[in-house]
Amino acid sequence: MAHELFEKIKEGHPEVIERCEYGIADRGYDDGKPIRKLWDDYDIKRVISNVSRDTMLRNQMCRKENRT
């Protein structure tokens, strides 16, 4: 879905894609495809929360809280 949006923007307003440095999206887009497409096709850095990383950090925090 996100990659389709960037394609439409590129077609209609290529100057926006050329200026864009960061792509911000909900972590539901962290499956890899939009991330790779943003970087590979447009040189846009992603700002998308990673579900796996977030889960790992949350679990680490819970373990620390349970130790006290």
N, C-alpha and C. Protein backbone atom coordinates (compact mmCIF):
# COMPACT_ATOMS: atom_id res chain seq x y z
N MET A 1 0.81 -1.19 0.00
CA MET A 1 0.00 0.00 0.00
C MET A 1 0.86 1.26 0.00
N ALA A 2 1.83 1.33 0.91
CA ALA A 2 2.67 2.53 0.98
C ALA A 2 3.46 2.70 -0.30
N HIS A 3 3.97 1.58 -0.84
CA HIS A 3 4.76 1.68 -2.06
C HIS A 3 3.90 2.18 -3.23
N GLU A 4 2.61 1.84 -3.24
CA GLU A 4 1.71 2.34 -4.29
C GLU A 4 1.54 3.86 -4.15
N LEU A 5 1.46 4.33 -2.93
CA LEU A 5 1.34 5.77 -2.70
C LEU A 5 2.57 6.50 -3.23
N PHE A 6 3.76 5.97 -2.94
CA PHE A 6 4.98 6.61 -3.42
C PHE A 6 5.06 6.57 -4.95
N GLU A 7 4.56 5.51 -5.55
CA GLU A 7 4.53 5.43 -7.02
C GLU A 7 3.63 6.52 -7.60
N LYS A 8 2.46 6.72 -7.00
CA LYS A 8 1.54 7.75 -7.47
C LYS A 8 2.15 9.14 -7.31
N ILE A 9 2.80 9.36 -6.19
CA ILE A 9 3.45 10.66 -5.98
C ILE A 9 4.56 10.86 -7.01
N LYS A 10 5.32 9.81 -7.27
CA LYS A 10 6.42 9.91 -8.24
C LYS A 10 5.88 10.26 -9.62
N GLU A 11 4.77 9.64 -9.99
CA GLU A 11 4.18 9.90 -11.31
C GLU A 11 3.63 11.32 -11.43
N GLY A 12 2.93 11.77 -10.40
CA GLY A 12 2.28 13.07 -10.46
C GLY A 12 3.14 14.24 -10.03
N HIS A 13 4.04 13.98 -9.08
CA HIS A 13 4.86 15.06 -8.50
C HIS A 13 6.27 14.54 -8.22
N PRO A 14 7.04 14.25 -9.24
CA PRO A 14 8.38 13.68 -9.03
C PRO A 14 9.29 14.58 -8.19
N GLU A 15 9.04 15.87 -8.19
CA GLU A 15 9.87 16.78 -7.39
C GLU A 15 9.72 16.53 -5.90
N VAL A 16 8.54 16.05 -5.48
CA VAL A 16 8.32 15.73 -4.07
C VAL A 16 9.19 14.53 -3.67
N ILE A 17 9.20 13.51 -4.51
CA ILE A 17 10.02 12.32 -4.23
C ILE A 17 11.50 12.69 -4.22
N GLU A 18 11.92 13.56 -5.11
CA GLU A 18 13.33 13.96 -5.16
C GLU A 18 13.75 14.71 -3.89
N ARG A 19 12.84 15.48 -3.31
CA ARG A 19 13.15 16.24 -2.09
C ARG A 19 13.02 15.40 -0.83
N CYS A 20 12.26 14.35 -0.89
CA CYS A 20 11.93 13.56 0.29
C CYS A 20 13.17 12.82 0.83
N GLU A 21 13.41 12.95 2.13
CA GLU A 21 14.52 12.26 2.77
C GLU A 21 14.05 11.11 3.65
N TYR A 22 12.85 11.24 4.23
CA TYR A 22 12.35 10.26 5.18
C TYR A 22 10.93 9.83 4.81
N GLY A 23 10.64 8.55 5.01
CA GLY A 23 9.30 8.02 4.83
C GLY A 23 8.79 7.54 6.18
N ILE A 24 7.72 8.12 6.67
CA ILE A 24 7.18 7.78 7.98
C ILE A 24 5.90 6.99 7.79
N ALA A 25 5.81 5.85 8.50
CA ALA A 25 4.62 5.01 8.37
C ALA A 25 4.38 4.24 9.66
N ASP A 26 3.20 3.73 9.78
CA ASP A 26 2.81 2.88 10.89
C ASP A 26 3.62 1.59 10.85
N ARG A 27 3.82 0.96 12.00
CA ARG A 27 4.64 -0.24 12.03
C ARG A 27 4.01 -1.43 11.31
N GLY A 28 2.78 -1.30 10.88
CA GLY A 28 2.17 -2.34 10.06
C GLY A 28 2.86 -2.48 8.70
N TYR A 29 3.68 -1.49 8.35
CA TYR A 29 4.40 -1.51 7.08
C TYR A 29 5.81 -2.06 7.22
N ASP A 30 6.13 -2.70 8.33
CA ASP A 30 7.50 -3.14 8.56
C ASP A 30 7.80 -4.52 7.98
N ASP A 31 7.00 -5.01 7.05
CA ASP A 31 7.22 -6.34 6.49
C ASP A 31 8.43 -6.41 5.57
N GLY A 32 9.03 -5.29 5.27
CA GLY A 32 10.24 -5.29 4.45
C GLY A 32 10.06 -4.70 3.08
N LYS A 33 8.98 -5.03 2.41
CA LYS A 33 8.80 -4.56 1.03
C LYS A 33 8.78 -3.04 0.93
N PRO A 34 7.94 -2.34 1.71
CA PRO A 34 7.95 -0.88 1.60
C PRO A 34 9.29 -0.29 2.01
N ILE A 35 9.92 -0.89 3.01
CA ILE A 35 11.21 -0.38 3.48
C ILE A 35 12.25 -0.50 2.38
N ARG A 36 12.34 -1.67 1.77
CA ARG A 36 13.31 -1.87 0.69
C ARG A 36 13.01 -0.96 -0.50
N LYS A 37 11.74 -0.83 -0.83
CA LYS A 37 11.37 -0.01 -1.98
C LYS A 37 11.71 1.46 -1.73
N LEU A 38 11.42 1.97 -0.55
CA LEU A 38 11.76 3.35 -0.24
C LEU A 38 13.24 3.60 -0.43
N TRP A 39 14.05 2.71 0.10
CA TRP A 39 15.50 2.91 0.02
C TRP A 39 16.03 2.60 -1.37
N ASP A 40 15.67 1.46 -1.92
CA ASP A 40 16.22 1.03 -3.21
C ASP A 40 15.77 1.91 -4.37
N ASP A 41 14.51 2.27 -4.39
CA ASP A 41 13.97 3.02 -5.54
C ASP A 41 14.09 4.54 -5.39
N TYR A 42 14.02 5.03 -4.15
CA TYR A 42 13.92 6.47 -3.96
C TYR A 42 15.00 7.08 -3.06
N ASP A 43 15.87 6.25 -2.47
CA ASP A 43 16.88 6.73 -1.51
C ASP A 43 16.23 7.47 -0.34
N ILE A 44 15.07 6.98 0.09
CA ILE A 44 14.35 7.58 1.21
C ILE A 44 14.56 6.68 2.43
N LYS A 45 14.98 7.29 3.53
CA LYS A 45 15.19 6.54 4.77
C LYS A 45 13.84 6.28 5.43
N ARG A 46 13.70 5.12 5.99
CA ARG A 46 12.43 4.77 6.61
C ARG A 46 12.40 5.19 8.07
N VAL A 47 11.23 5.59 8.51
CA VAL A 47 10.96 5.84 9.91
C VAL A 47 9.70 5.03 10.21
N ILE A 48 9.92 3.73 10.40
CA ILE A 48 8.82 2.80 10.64
C ILE A 48 9.21 1.95 11.83
N SER A 49 8.40 1.95 12.84
CA SER A 49 8.67 1.14 14.02
C SER A 49 8.73 -0.33 13.62
N ASN A 50 9.67 -1.04 14.17
CA ASN A 50 9.86 -2.45 13.86
C ASN A 50 9.16 -3.29 14.92
N VAL A 51 8.18 -4.08 14.53
CA VAL A 51 7.38 -4.87 15.47
C VAL A 51 8.26 -5.82 16.26
N SER A 52 9.17 -6.51 15.63
CA SER A 52 10.03 -7.47 16.32
C SER A 52 10.89 -6.78 17.36
N ARG A 53 11.49 -5.66 16.98
CA ARG A 53 12.34 -4.92 17.91
C ARG A 53 11.52 -4.38 19.07
N ASP A 54 10.35 -3.83 18.79
CA ASP A 54 9.51 -3.28 19.85
C ASP A 54 9.09 -4.38 20.83
N THR A 55 8.75 -5.54 20.32
CA THR A 55 8.35 -6.66 21.18
C THR A 55 9.53 -7.10 22.04
N MET A 56 10.71 -7.18 21.46
CA MET A 56 11.89 -7.57 22.20
C MET A 56 12.18 -6.58 23.33
N LEU A 57 12.13 -5.29 23.04
CA LEU A 57 12.38 -4.27 24.06
C LEU A 57 11.34 -4.32 25.17
N ARG A 58 10.08 -4.50 24.79
CA ARG A 58 9.01 -4.58 25.79
C ARG A 58 9.22 -5.79 26.70
N ASN A 59 9.61 -6.92 26.12
CA ASN A 59 9.87 -8.11 26.92
C ASN A 59 11.04 -7.91 27.86
N GLN A 60 12.08 -7.24 27.41
CA GLN A 60 13.23 -6.96 28.26
C GLN A 60 12.83 -6.08 29.43
N MET A 61 12.00 -5.08 29.17
CA MET A 61 11.55 -4.19 30.24
C MET A 61 10.71 -4.96 31.25
N CYS A 62 9.86 -5.85 30.79
CA CYS A 62 9.02 -6.64 31.69
C CYS A 62 9.88 -7.56 32.57
N ARG A 63 10.90 -8.16 31.98
CA ARG A 63 11.78 -9.03 32.76
C ARG A 63 12.50 -8.23 33.85
N LYS A 64 12.96 -7.03 33.53
CA LYS A 64 13.64 -6.19 34.52
C LYS A 64 12.68 -5.82 35.65
N GLU A 65 11.44 -5.48 35.30
CA GLU A 65 10.46 -5.11 36.32
C GLU A 65 10.15 -6.29 37.23
N ASN A 66 10.13 -7.49 36.71
CA ASN A 66 9.80 -8.68 37.49
C ASN A 66 10.94 -9.10 38.43
N ARG A 67 12.15 -8.64 38.16
CA ARG A 67 13.30 -8.98 39.01
C ARG A 67 13.28 -8.23 40.33
N THR A 68 12.65 -7.08 40.35
CA THR A 68 12.68 -6.26 41.57
C THR A 68 11.66 -6.69 42.57
